[in-house]
Amino acid sequence: LDVGATATATTFIDEKFDGDYTSRFTVPSKWKDASELGSFTHTAGKTPGNADNKGIQTTTDARFHGIIGKLDTPFVSTDKTLVLQYSVKNEQTLGCGGAYIKLLGGDVDVDSFGGD
């Protein structure tokens, strides 16, 4: 007797942070005063395992950082399980803050959205 189970999954976003990642993300510009906002750089980091495996890194300490990316396909959670995976590599000493993912509806004003 051969019994098998089939699992199916839909990928809603699979970000590799290639050289064109900025076209897929919005940095909120109205969230805080420009003097309080930090910026990102595209890098493999200080000690990369693979120099071609790049991500984004904050470039300024003691600033607010935010970046928003839309899902490729809207996710409806009725009777479904959402599995979310991401990696963070902190290379600096953090005095405060952290790394957060917030799942939002599609009607969010991305220019004004922030961590508040």
PDB file of N, CA and C in Angstrom:
ATOM      1  N   LEU A   1       0.841  -1.168   0.000  1.00  0.00           N
ATOM      2  CA  LEU A   1       0.000   0.000   0.000  1.00  0.00           C
ATOM      3  C   LEU A   1       0.887   1.232   0.000  1.00  0.00           C
ATOM      4  N   ASP A   2       0.684   2.098  -0.955  1.00  0.00           N
ATOM      5  CA  ASP A   2       1.458   3.321  -1.066  1.00  0.00           C
ATOM      6  C   ASP A   2       0.551   4.494  -0.727  1.00  0.00           C
ATOM      7  N   VAL A   3       0.810   5.128   0.385  1.00  0.00           N
ATOM      8  CA  VAL A   3       0.014   6.277   0.806  1.00  0.00           C
ATOM      9  C   VAL A   3       0.927   7.492   0.770  1.00  0.00           C
ATOM     10  N   GLY A   4       0.504   8.505   0.068  1.00  0.00           N
ATOM     11  CA  GLY A   4       1.307   9.715  -0.022  1.00  0.00           C
ATOM     12  C   GLY A   4       0.461  10.941   0.232  1.00  0.00           C
ATOM     13  N   ALA A   5       1.102  11.965   0.681  1.00  0.00           N
ATOM     14  CA  ALA A   5       0.427  13.240   0.912  1.00  0.00           C
ATOM     15  C   ALA A   5       1.074  14.281   0.020  1.00  0.00           C
ATOM     16  N   THR A   6       0.263  15.119  -0.479  1.00  0.00           N
ATOM     17  CA  THR A   6       0.755  16.193  -1.325  1.00  0.00           C
ATOM     18  C   THR A   6       0.570  17.505  -0.591  1.00  0.00           C
ATOM     19  N   ALA A   7       1.623  18.270  -0.503  1.00  0.00           N
ATOM     20  CA  ALA A   7       1.556  19.594   0.128  1.00  0.00           C
ATOM     21  C   ALA A   7       1.724  20.638  -0.963  1.00  0.00           C
ATOM     22  N   THR A   8       0.926  21.646  -0.894  1.00  0.00           N
ATOM     23  CA  THR A   8       1.063  22.748  -1.835  1.00  0.00           C
ATOM     24  C   THR A   8       1.252  24.031  -1.048  1.00  0.00           C
ATOM     25  N   ALA A   9       1.959  24.933  -1.645  1.00  0.00           N
ATOM     26  CA  ALA A   9       2.208  26.214  -0.992  1.00  0.00           C
ATOM     27  C   ALA A   9       2.241  27.302  -2.045  1.00  0.00           C
ATOM     28  N   THR A  10       1.869  28.488  -1.638  1.00  0.00           N
ATOM     29  CA  THR A  10       1.948  29.668  -2.492  1.00  0.00           C
ATOM     30  C   THR A  10       2.983  30.600  -1.891  1.00  0.00           C
ATOM     31  N   THR A  11       3.906  31.042  -2.688  1.00  0.00           N
ATOM     32  CA  THR A  11       4.899  32.009  -2.236  1.00  0.00           C
ATOM     33  C   THR A  11       4.372  33.403  -2.551  1.00  0.00           C
ATOM     34  N   PHE A  12       4.265  34.232  -1.530  1.00  0.00           N
ATOM     35  CA  PHE A  12       3.713  35.563  -1.706  1.00  0.00           C
ATOM     36  C   PHE A  12       4.787  36.617  -1.911  1.00  0.00           C
ATOM     37  N   ILE A  13       5.952  36.377  -1.381  1.00  0.00           N
ATOM     38  CA  ILE A  13       7.098  37.248  -1.648  1.00  0.00           C
ATOM     39  C   ILE A  13       8.353  36.432  -1.372  1.00  0.00           C
ATOM     40  N   ASP A  14       9.296  36.499  -2.259  1.00  0.00           N
ATOM     41  CA  ASP A  14      10.568  35.795  -2.113  1.00  0.00           C
ATOM     42  C   ASP A  14      11.648  36.787  -2.507  1.00  0.00           C
ATOM     43  N   GLU A  15      12.098  37.563  -1.562  1.00  0.00           N
ATOM     44  CA  GLU A  15      13.025  38.661  -1.852  1.00  0.00           C
ATOM     45  C   GLU A  15      14.466  38.200  -1.712  1.00  0.00           C
ATOM     46  N   LYS A  16      15.218  38.376  -2.766  1.00  0.00           N
ATOM     47  CA  LYS A  16      16.632  38.017  -2.773  1.00  0.00           C
ATOM     48  C   LYS A  16      17.526  39.251  -2.639  1.00  0.00           C
ATOM     49  N   PHE A  17      16.943  40.431  -2.616  1.00  0.00           N
ATOM     50  CA  PHE A  17      17.681  41.694  -2.527  1.00  0.00           C
ATOM     51  C   PHE A  17      18.771  41.768  -3.588  1.00  0.00           C
ATOM     52  N   ASP A  18      18.351  41.562  -4.823  1.00  0.00           N
ATOM     53  CA  ASP A  18      19.291  41.715  -5.926  1.00  0.00           C
ATOM     54  C   ASP A  18      19.507  43.214  -6.176  1.00  0.00           C
ATOM     55  N   GLY A  19      20.237  43.541  -7.205  1.00  0.00           N
ATOM     56  CA  GLY A  19      20.574  44.926  -7.491  1.00  0.00           C
ATOM     57  C   GLY A  19      19.385  45.820  -7.773  1.00  0.00           C
ATOM     58  N   ASP A  20      18.221  45.242  -8.086  1.00  0.00           N
ATOM     59  CA  ASP A  20      17.035  46.016  -8.442  1.00  0.00           C
ATOM     60  C   ASP A  20      15.998  46.045  -7.310  1.00  0.00           C
ATOM     61  N   TYR A  21      16.402  45.681  -6.092  1.00  0.00           N
ATOM     62  CA  TYR A  21      15.424  45.577  -5.005  1.00  0.00           C
ATOM     63  C   TYR A  21      14.720  46.903  -4.711  1.00  0.00           C
ATOM     64  N   THR A  22      15.367  48.030  -4.959  1.00  0.00           N
ATOM     65  CA  THR A  22      14.758  49.325  -4.619  1.00  0.00           C
ATOM     66  C   THR A  22      13.492  49.600  -5.424  1.00  0.00           C
ATOM     67  N   SER A  23      13.348  48.975  -6.576  1.00  0.00           N
ATOM     68  CA  SER A  23      12.127  49.177  -7.367  1.00  0.00           C
ATOM     69  C   SER A  23      10.933  48.450  -6.754  1.00  0.00           C
ATOM     70  N   ARG A  24      11.175  47.506  -5.848  1.00  0.00           N
ATOM     71  CA  ARG A  24      10.106  46.729  -5.228  1.00  0.00           C
ATOM     72  C   ARG A  24       9.754  47.204  -3.821  1.00  0.00           C
ATOM     73  N   PHE A  25      10.476  48.176  -3.307  1.00  0.00           N
ATOM     74  CA  PHE A  25      10.275  48.645  -1.937  1.00  0.00           C
ATOM     75  C   PHE A  25      10.069  50.149  -1.896  1.00  0.00           C
ATOM     76  N   THR A  26       9.347  50.576  -0.868  1.00  0.00           N
ATOM     77  CA  THR A  26       9.145  51.995  -0.611  1.00  0.00           C
ATOM     78  C   THR A  26       9.735  52.311   0.758  1.00  0.00           C
ATOM     79  N   VAL A  27      10.503  53.374   0.828  1.00  0.00           N
ATOM     80  CA  VAL A  27      10.981  53.871   2.112  1.00  0.00           C
ATOM     81  C   VAL A  27      10.030  54.996   2.509  1.00  0.00           C
ATOM     82  N   PRO A  28       9.324  54.857   3.638  1.00  0.00           N
ATOM     83  CA  PRO A  28       8.361  55.890   4.045  1.00  0.00           C
ATOM     84  C   PRO A  28       9.043  57.243   4.191  1.00  0.00           C
ATOM     85  N   SER A  29       8.558  58.234   3.481  1.00  0.00           N
ATOM     86  CA  SER A  29       9.196  59.553   3.481  1.00  0.00           C
ATOM     87  C   SER A  29       8.479  60.563   4.378  1.00  0.00           C
ATOM     88  N   LYS A  30       7.248  60.266   4.797  1.00  0.00           N
ATOM     89  CA  LYS A  30       6.482  61.206   5.627  1.00  0.00           C
ATOM     90  C   LYS A  30       6.336  60.722   7.065  1.00  0.00           C
ATOM     91  N   TRP A  31       6.981  59.628   7.404  1.00  0.00           N
ATOM     92  CA  TRP A  31       6.862  59.003   8.708  1.00  0.00           C
ATOM     93  C   TRP A  31       7.505  59.868   9.790  1.00  0.00           C
ATOM     94  N   LYS A  32       8.708  60.319   9.545  1.00  0.00           N
ATOM     95  CA  LYS A  32       9.479  61.141  10.471  1.00  0.00           C
ATOM     96  C   LYS A  32      10.125  62.269   9.678  1.00  0.00           C
ATOM     97  N   ASP A  33      10.624  63.267  10.390  1.00  0.00           N
ATOM     98  CA  ASP A  33      11.395  64.322   9.754  1.00  0.00           C
ATOM     99  C   ASP A  33      12.631  63.698   9.102  1.00  0.00           C
ATOM    100  N   ALA A  34      13.043  64.222   7.967  1.00  0.00           N
ATOM    101  CA  ALA A  34      14.175  63.652   7.225  1.00  0.00           C
ATOM    102  C   ALA A  34      15.440  63.552   8.082  1.00  0.00           C
ATOM    103  N   SER A  35      15.613  64.462   9.037  1.00  0.00           N
ATOM    104  CA  SER A  35      16.809  64.428   9.887  1.00  0.00           C
ATOM    105  C   SER A  35      16.810  63.248  10.854  1.00  0.00           C
ATOM    106  N   GLU A  36      15.646  62.600  11.051  1.00  0.00           N
ATOM    107  CA  GLU A  36      15.541  61.459  11.959  1.00  0.00           C
ATOM    108  C   GLU A  36      15.620  60.111  11.243  1.00  0.00           C
ATOM    109  N   LEU A  37      15.573  60.139   9.907  1.00  0.00           N
ATOM    110  CA  LEU A  37      15.539  58.901   9.130  1.00  0.00           C
ATOM    111  C   LEU A  37      16.937  58.456   8.725  1.00  0.00           C
ATOM    112  N   GLY A  38      17.185  57.164   8.827  1.00  0.00           N
ATOM    113  CA  GLY A  38      18.438  56.596   8.359  1.00  0.00           C
ATOM    114  C   GLY A  38      18.276  56.036   6.959  1.00  0.00           C
ATOM    115  N   SER A  39      19.340  55.495   6.439  1.00  0.00           N
ATOM    116  CA  SER A  39      19.290  54.950   5.080  1.00  0.00           C
ATOM    117  C   SER A  39      19.811  53.517   5.084  1.00  0.00           C
ATOM    118  N   PHE A  40      19.656  52.872   3.940  1.00  0.00           N
ATOM    119  CA  PHE A  40      20.071  51.483   3.752  1.00  0.00           C
ATOM    120  C   PHE A  40      21.152  51.408   2.686  1.00  0.00           C
ATOM    121  N   THR A  41      21.955  50.367   2.776  1.00  0.00           N
ATOM    122  CA  THR A  41      22.907  50.069   1.712  1.00  0.00           C
ATOM    123  C   THR A  41      22.726  48.600   1.318  1.00  0.00           C
ATOM    124  N   HIS A  42      23.123  48.270   0.107  1.00  0.00           N
ATOM    125  CA  HIS A  42      23.016  46.920  -0.444  1.00  0.00           C
ATOM    126  C   HIS A  42      24.387  46.258  -0.295  1.00  0.00           C
ATOM    127  N   THR A  43      24.496  45.267   0.589  1.00  0.00           N
ATOM    128  CA  THR A  43      25.805  44.716   0.905  1.00  0.00           C
ATOM    129  C   THR A  43      25.699  43.259   1.355  1.00  0.00           C
ATOM    130  N   ALA A  44      26.814  42.571   1.299  1.00  0.00           N
ATOM    131  CA  ALA A  44      26.903  41.216   1.854  1.00  0.00           C
ATOM    132  C   ALA A  44      27.340  41.263   3.316  1.00  0.00           C
ATOM    133  N   GLY A  45      27.663  42.441   3.820  1.00  0.00           N
ATOM    134  CA  GLY A  45      28.056  42.590   5.214  1.00  0.00           C
ATOM    135  C   GLY A  45      29.559  42.520   5.408  1.00  0.00           C
ATOM    136  N   LYS A  46      29.945  42.652   6.666  1.00  0.00           N
ATOM    137  CA  LYS A  46      31.371  42.685   7.019  1.00  0.00           C
ATOM    138  C   LYS A  46      32.053  41.345   6.833  1.00  0.00           C
ATOM    139  N   THR A  47      31.370  40.268   7.171  1.00  0.00           N
ATOM    140  CA  THR A  47      31.971  38.928   7.075  1.00  0.00           C
ATOM    141  C   THR A  47      31.033  38.005   6.307  1.00  0.00           C
ATOM    142  N   PRO A  48      30.940  38.214   4.996  1.00  0.00           N
ATOM    143  CA  PRO A  48      29.998  37.408   4.218  1.00  0.00           C
ATOM    144  C   PRO A  48      30.465  35.970   4.035  1.00  0.00           C
ATOM    145  N   GLY A  49      29.529  35.044   4.119  1.00  0.00           N
ATOM    146  CA  GLY A  49      29.815  33.664   3.750  1.00  0.00           C
ATOM    147  C   GLY A  49      29.890  33.534   2.244  1.00  0.00           C
ATOM    148  N   ASN A  50      29.131  34.413   1.555  1.00  0.00           N
ATOM    149  CA  ASN A  50      29.091  34.433   0.098  1.00  0.00           C
ATOM    150  C   ASN A  50      28.927  35.895  -0.317  1.00  0.00           C
ATOM    151  N   ALA A  51      29.919  36.458  -0.933  1.00  0.00           N
ATOM    152  CA  ALA A  51      29.907  37.876  -1.289  1.00  0.00           C
ATOM    153  C   ALA A  51      28.786  38.234  -2.261  1.00  0.00           C
ATOM    154  N   ASP A  52      28.232  37.237  -2.961  1.00  0.00           N
ATOM    155  CA  ASP A  52      27.139  37.498  -3.892  1.00  0.00           C
ATOM    156  C   ASP A  52      25.773  37.437  -3.219  1.00  0.00           C
ATOM    157  N   ASN A  53      25.707  36.971  -1.984  1.00  0.00           N
ATOM    158  CA  ASN A  53      24.453  36.873  -1.241  1.00  0.00           C
ATOM    159  C   ASN A  53      24.274  38.150  -0.431  1.00  0.00           C
ATOM    160  N   LYS A  54      23.617  39.130  -1.040  1.00  0.00           N
ATOM    161  CA  LYS A  54      23.506  40.448  -0.426  1.00  0.00           C
ATOM    162  C   LYS A  54      22.128  40.675   0.173  1.00  0.00           C
ATOM    163  N   GLY A  55      22.098  41.609   1.064  1.00  0.00           N
ATOM    164  CA  GLY A  55      20.857  42.047   1.696  1.00  0.00           C
ATOM    165  C   GLY A  55      20.915  43.545   1.878  1.00  0.00           C
ATOM    166  N   ILE A  56      20.033  44.055   2.719  1.00  0.00           N
ATOM    167  CA  ILE A  56      20.079  45.481   3.014  1.00  0.00           C
ATOM    168  C   ILE A  56      20.591  45.666   4.432  1.00  0.00           C
ATOM    169  N   GLN A  57      21.292  46.769   4.639  1.00  0.00           N
ATOM    170  CA  GLN A  57      21.886  47.062   5.934  1.00  0.00           C
ATOM    171  C   GLN A  57      21.661  48.534   6.254  1.00  0.00           C
ATOM    172  N   THR A  58      21.344  48.810   7.511  1.00  0.00           N
ATOM    173  CA  THR A  58      21.213  50.208   7.924  1.00  0.00           C
ATOM    174  C   THR A  58      22.605  50.829   7.947  1.00  0.00           C
ATOM    175  N   THR A  59      22.678  52.110   7.610  1.00  0.00           N
ATOM    176  CA  THR A  59      23.978  52.767   7.498  1.00  0.00           C
ATOM    177  C   THR A  59      24.213  53.820   8.570  1.00  0.00           C
ATOM    178  N   THR A  60      23.192  54.151   9.323  1.00  0.00           N
ATOM    179  CA  THR A  60      23.322  55.207  10.323  1.00  0.00           C
ATOM    180  C   THR A  60      22.774  54.726  11.655  1.00  0.00           C
ATOM    181  N   ASP A  61      23.502  54.985  12.715  1.00  0.00           N
ATOM    182  CA  ASP A  61      23.049  54.624  14.050  1.00  0.00           C
ATOM    183  C   ASP A  61      22.090  55.688  14.580  1.00  0.00           C
ATOM    184  N   ALA A  62      21.271  55.298  15.527  1.00  0.00           N
ATOM    185  CA  ALA A  62      20.356  56.204  16.234  1.00  0.00           C
ATOM    186  C   ALA A  62      19.430  56.953  15.269  1.00  0.00           C
ATOM    187  N   ARG A  63      18.933  56.253  14.270  1.00  0.00           N
ATOM    188  CA  ARG A  63      17.980  56.814  13.317  1.00  0.00           C
ATOM    189  C   ARG A  63      16.837  55.820  13.145  1.00  0.00           C
ATOM    190  N   PHE A  64      15.730  56.303  12.605  1.00  0.00           N
ATOM    191  CA  PHE A  64      14.592  55.439  12.297  1.00  0.00           C
ATOM    192  C   PHE A  64      14.785  54.885  10.892  1.00  0.00           C
ATOM    193  N   HIS A  65      14.566  53.590  10.745  1.00  0.00           N
ATOM    194  CA  HIS A  65      14.683  52.925   9.447  1.00  0.00           C
ATOM    195  C   HIS A  65      13.379  52.188   9.166  1.00  0.00           C
ATOM    196  N   GLY A  66      12.907  52.280   7.970  1.00  0.00           N
ATOM    197  CA  GLY A  66      11.707  51.563   7.566  1.00  0.00           C
ATOM    198  C   GLY A  66      11.735  51.311   6.073  1.00  0.00           C
ATOM    199  N   ILE A  67      11.210  50.176   5.684  1.00  0.00           N
ATOM    200  CA  ILE A  67      11.134  49.832   4.267  1.00  0.00           C
ATOM    201  C   ILE A  67       9.913  48.930   4.091  1.00  0.00           C
ATOM    202  N   ILE A  68       9.147  49.166   3.042  1.00  0.00           N
ATOM    203  CA  ILE A  68       7.886  48.457   2.844  1.00  0.00           C
ATOM    204  C   ILE A  68       7.890  47.786   1.482  1.00  0.00           C
ATOM    205  N   GLY A  69       7.535  46.514   1.473  1.00  0.00           N
ATOM    206  CA  GLY A  69       7.404  45.762   0.232  1.00  0.00           C
ATOM    207  C   GLY A  69       6.044  45.094   0.177  1.00  0.00           C
ATOM    208  N   LYS A  70       5.409  45.198  -0.958  1.00  0.00           N
ATOM    209  CA  LYS A  70       4.087  44.577  -1.118  1.00  0.00           C
ATOM    210  C   LYS A  70       4.228  43.125  -1.523  1.00  0.00           C
ATOM    211  N   LEU A  71       3.248  42.335  -1.113  1.00  0.00           N
ATOM    212  CA  LEU A  71       3.205  40.941  -1.536  1.00  0.00           C
ATOM    213  C   LEU A  71       2.904  40.874  -3.024  1.00  0.00           C
ATOM    214  N   ASP A  72       3.436  39.858  -3.679  1.00  0.00           N
ATOM    215  CA  ASP A  72       3.170  39.674  -5.106  1.00  0.00           C
ATOM    216  C   ASP A  72       1.703  39.331  -5.352  1.00  0.00           C
ATOM    217  N   THR A  73       1.108  38.616  -4.395  1.00  0.00           N
ATOM    218  CA  THR A  73      -0.297  38.203  -4.465  1.00  0.00           C
ATOM    219  C   THR A  73      -0.925  38.477  -3.105  1.00  0.00           C
ATOM    220  N   PRO A  74      -2.120  39.048  -3.040  1.00  0.00           N
ATOM    221  CA  PRO A  74      -2.754  39.275  -1.730  1.00  0.00           C
ATOM    222  C   PRO A  74      -2.952  37.964  -0.976  1.00  0.00           C
ATOM    223  N   PHE A  75      -2.754  38.013   0.325  1.00  0.00           N
ATOM    224  CA  PHE A  75      -2.924  36.840   1.178  1.00  0.00           C
ATOM    225  C   PHE A  75      -4.242  36.958   1.930  1.00  0.00           C
ATOM    226  N   VAL A  76      -5.065  35.946   1.824  1.00  0.00           N
ATOM    227  CA  VAL A  76      -6.325  35.871   2.568  1.00  0.00           C
ATOM    228  C   VAL A  76      -6.150  34.733   3.572  1.00  0.00           C
ATOM    229  N   SER A  77      -6.307  35.050   4.854  1.00  0.00           N
ATOM    230  CA  SER A  77      -5.944  34.091   5.897  1.00  0.00           C
ATOM    231  C   SER A  77      -7.054  33.118   6.291  1.00  0.00           C
ATOM    232  N   THR A  78      -8.204  33.191   5.664  1.00  0.00           N
ATOM    233  CA  THR A  78      -9.300  32.293   6.005  1.00  0.00           C
ATOM    234  C   THR A  78      -8.894  30.846   5.782  1.00  0.00           C
ATOM    235  N   ASP A  79      -8.896  30.060   6.846  1.00  0.00           N
ATOM    236  CA  ASP A  79      -8.585  28.634   6.790  1.00  0.00           C
ATOM    237  C   ASP A  79      -7.210  28.319   6.208  1.00  0.00           C
ATOM    238  N   LYS A  80      -6.261  29.234   6.362  1.00  0.00           N
ATOM    239  CA  LYS A  80      -4.913  29.004   5.859  1.00  0.00           C
ATOM    240  C   LYS A  80      -3.908  29.314   6.953  1.00  0.00           C
ATOM    241  N   THR A  81      -2.777  28.700   6.865  1.00  0.00           N
ATOM    242  CA  THR A  81      -1.680  28.967   7.781  1.00  0.00           C
ATOM    243  C   THR A  81      -0.638  29.797   7.045  1.00  0.00           C
ATOM    244  N   LEU A  82      -0.171  30.834   7.694  1.00  0.00           N
ATOM    245  CA  LEU A  82       0.884  31.666   7.124  1.00  0.00           C
ATOM    246  C   LEU A  82       2.201  31.291   7.792  1.00  0.00           C
ATOM    247  N   VAL A  83       3.196  30.972   6.991  1.00  0.00           N
ATOM    248  CA  VAL A  83       4.538  30.705   7.491  1.00  0.00           C
ATOM    249  C   VAL A  83       5.419  31.831   6.979  1.00  0.00           C
ATOM    250  N   LEU A  84       6.073  32.512   7.899  1.00  0.00           N
ATOM    251  CA  LEU A  84       6.898  33.666   7.564  1.00  0.00           C
ATOM    252  C   LEU A  84       8.310  33.400   8.049  1.00  0.00           C
ATOM    253  N   GLN A  85       9.281  33.578   7.178  1.00  0.00           N
ATOM    254  CA  GLN A  85      10.666  33.332   7.550  1.00  0.00           C
ATOM    255  C   GLN A  85      11.512  34.496   7.063  1.00  0.00           C
ATOM    256  N   TYR A  86      12.382  34.978   7.939  1.00  0.00           N
ATOM    257  CA  TYR A  86      13.341  35.985   7.519  1.00  0.00           C
ATOM    258  C   TYR A  86      14.587  35.881   8.380  1.00  0.00           C
ATOM    259  N   SER A  87      15.671  36.439   7.910  1.00  0.00           N
ATOM    260  CA  SER A  87      16.943  36.384   8.630  1.00  0.00           C
ATOM    261  C   SER A  87      17.429  37.797   8.897  1.00  0.00           C
ATOM    262  N   VAL A  88      18.028  37.971  10.047  1.00  0.00           N
ATOM    263  CA  VAL A  88      18.622  39.253  10.430  1.00  0.00           C
ATOM    264  C   VAL A  88      20.030  38.971  10.936  1.00  0.00           C
ATOM    265  N   LYS A  89      20.975  39.744  10.452  1.00  0.00           N
ATOM    266  CA  LYS A  89      22.351  39.644  10.934  1.00  0.00           C
ATOM    267  C   LYS A  89      22.750  41.028  11.425  1.00  0.00           C
ATOM    268  N   ASN A  90      22.777  41.211  12.740  1.00  0.00           N
ATOM    269  CA  ASN A  90      23.168  42.495  13.321  1.00  0.00           C
ATOM    270  C   ASN A  90      24.684  42.540  13.460  1.00  0.00           C
ATOM    271  N   GLU A  91      25.302  43.490  12.776  1.00  0.00           N
ATOM    272  CA  GLU A  91      26.759  43.609  12.826  1.00  0.00           C
ATOM    273  C   GLU A  91      27.217  44.760  13.709  1.00  0.00           C
ATOM    274  N   GLN A  92      26.301  45.537  14.221  1.00  0.00           N
ATOM    275  CA  GLN A  92      26.664  46.637  15.088  1.00  0.00           C
ATOM    276  C   GLN A  92      26.034  46.406  16.459  1.00  0.00           C
ATOM    277  N   THR A  93      26.543  47.106  17.449  1.00  0.00           N
ATOM    278  CA  THR A  93      25.967  47.032  18.784  1.00  0.00           C
ATOM    279  C   THR A  93      24.724  47.913  18.805  1.00  0.00           C
ATOM    280  N   LEU A  94      23.600  47.328  19.132  1.00  0.00           N
ATOM    281  CA  LEU A  94      22.353  48.076  19.154  1.00  0.00           C
ATOM    282  C   LEU A  94      22.098  48.628  20.543  1.00  0.00           C
ATOM    283  N   GLY A  95      21.860  49.945  20.622  1.00  0.00           N
ATOM    284  CA  GLY A  95      21.490  50.558  21.884  1.00  0.00           C
ATOM    285  C   GLY A  95      20.002  50.426  22.129  1.00  0.00           C
ATOM    286  N   CYS A  96      19.252  50.356  21.081  1.00  0.00           N
ATOM    287  CA  CYS A  96      17.806  50.167  21.159  1.00  0.00           C
ATOM    288  C   CYS A  96      17.330  49.695  19.792  1.00  0.00           C
ATOM    289  N   GLY A  97      16.082  49.345  19.714  1.00  0.00           N
ATOM    290  CA  GLY A  97      15.515  48.958  18.428  1.00  0.00           C
ATOM    291  C   GLY A  97      15.501  47.461  18.236  1.00  0.00           C
ATOM    292  N   GLY A  98      15.324  47.079  17.002  1.00  0.00           N
ATOM    293  CA  GLY A  98      15.240  45.673  16.677  1.00  0.00           C
ATOM    294  C   GLY A  98      14.842  45.508  15.229  1.00  0.00           C
ATOM    295  N   ALA A  99      14.502  44.301  14.871  1.00  0.00           N
ATOM    296  CA  ALA A  99      14.087  43.996  13.508  1.00  0.00           C
ATOM    297  C   ALA A  99      12.661  43.476  13.563  1.00  0.00           C
ATOM    298  N   TYR A 100      11.771  44.122  12.872  1.00  0.00           N
ATOM    299  CA  TYR A 100      10.355  43.802  12.935  1.00  0.00           C
ATOM    300  C   TYR A 100       9.791  43.561  11.546  1.00  0.00           C
ATOM    301  N   ILE A 101       8.814  42.708  11.475  1.00  0.00           N
ATOM    302  CA  ILE A 101       8.005  42.552  10.272  1.00  0.00           C
ATOM    303  C   ILE A 101       6.575  42.835  10.690  1.00  0.00           C
ATOM    304  N   LYS A 102       5.909  43.688   9.952  1.00  0.00           N
ATOM    305  CA  LYS A 102       4.510  43.994  10.223  1.00  0.00           C
ATOM    306  C   LYS A 102       3.711  43.650   8.975  1.00  0.00           C
ATOM    307  N   LEU A 103       2.678  42.864   9.139  1.00  0.00           N
ATOM    308  CA  LEU A 103       1.804  42.500   8.023  1.00  0.00           C
ATOM    309  C   LEU A 103       0.633  43.469   8.021  1.00  0.00           C
ATOM    310  N   LEU A 104       0.417  44.115   6.891  1.00  0.00           N
ATOM    311  CA  LEU A 104      -0.580  45.172   6.780  1.00  0.00           C
ATOM    312  C   LEU A 104      -1.562  44.883   5.666  1.00  0.00           C
ATOM    313  N   GLY A 105      -2.695  45.545   5.730  1.00  0.00           N
ATOM    314  CA  GLY A 105      -3.660  45.475   4.635  1.00  0.00           C
ATOM    315  C   GLY A 105      -3.158  46.259   3.440  1.00  0.00           C
ATOM    316  N   GLY A 106      -3.803  46.102   2.336  1.00  0.00           N
ATOM    317  CA  GLY A 106      -3.372  46.751   1.099  1.00  0.00           C
ATOM    318  C   GLY A 106      -3.693  48.225   1.006  1.00  0.00           C
ATOM    319  N   ASP A 107      -4.429  48.764   1.985  1.00  0.00           N
ATOM    320  CA  ASP A 107      -4.857  50.155   1.909  1.00  0.00           C
ATOM    321  C   ASP A 107      -3.989  51.091   2.737  1.00  0.00           C
ATOM    322  N   VAL A 108      -2.778  50.711   3.064  1.00  0.00           N
ATOM    323  CA  VAL A 108      -1.889  51.498   3.904  1.00  0.00           C
ATOM    324  C   VAL A 108      -1.196  52.565   3.069  1.00  0.00           C
ATOM    325  N   ASP A 109      -1.114  53.772   3.609  1.00  0.00           N
ATOM    326  CA  ASP A 109      -0.358  54.849   2.984  1.00  0.00           C
ATOM    327  C   ASP A 109       1.125  54.580   3.273  1.00  0.00           C
ATOM    328  N   VAL A 110       1.837  54.001   2.325  1.00  0.00           N
ATOM    329  CA  VAL A 110       3.201  53.555   2.571  1.00  0.00           C
ATOM    330  C   VAL A 110       4.156  54.705   2.835  1.00  0.00           C
ATOM    331  N   ASP A 111       3.881  55.886   2.324  1.00  0.00           N
ATOM    332  CA  ASP A 111       4.774  57.026   2.565  1.00  0.00           C
ATOM    333  C   ASP A 111       4.689  57.519   4.005  1.00  0.00           C
ATOM    334  N   SER A 112       3.542  57.295   4.656  1.00  0.00           N
ATOM    335  CA  SER A 112       3.352  57.782   6.025  1.00  0.00           C
ATOM    336  C   SER A 112       3.488  56.695   7.080  1.00  0.00           C
ATOM    337  N   PHE A 113       3.522  55.448   6.681  1.00  0.00           N
ATOM    338  CA  PHE A 113       3.568  54.358   7.654  1.00  0.00           C
ATOM    339  C   PHE A 113       4.935  54.266   8.309  1.00  0.00           C
ATOM    340  N   GLY A 114       4.943  54.024   9.609  1.00  0.00           N
ATOM    341  CA  GLY A 114       6.188  53.844  10.339  1.00  0.00           C
ATOM    342  C   GLY A 114       5.983  52.886  11.489  1.00  0.00           C
ATOM    343  N   GLY A 115       6.916  52.894  12.378  1.00  0.00           N
ATOM    344  CA  GLY A 115       6.885  51.977  13.504  1.00  0.00           C
ATOM    345  C   GLY A 115       6.045  52.446  14.675  1.00  0.00           C
ATOM    346  N   ASP A 116       5.510  53.639  14.601  1.00  0.00           N
ATOM    347  CA  ASP A 116       4.720  54.186  15.711  1.00  0.00           C
ATOM    348  C   ASP A 116       3.357  53.556  15.804  1.00  0.00           C
TER     349      ASP A 116
END
